[in-house]
Amino acid sequence: MGWNRIQVTRPEPLLAGLNGAYFYFVHSYAVPPSAYTAATCRYGAAFSAAVTWRNFSGCSFTLSGQGPLGRGC
């Protein structure tokens, strides 16, 4: 939980320009990195910060209160 930096692991329109950006994670749920991982974060160990599959995307960080970064996603 808290502010952590994401690392984009493969290009996705949703994450364009966000490599290295800080986002707020509001829970301790963590999905291990997989073939669907588009961005990771490290908090003790690496976990999936964003996943994509076909036309579906999901982020484990909250976009509310993120200022310009949250409004762009």
Foldseek 3Di string as FASTA:
>chain_A
DAKWFKAFPDDDPLCPPRGRPIFTADDDDFAQDDPQAGIWTDDPHIGRQKGDDDHDIDGRTDLPPPPPSSVSD
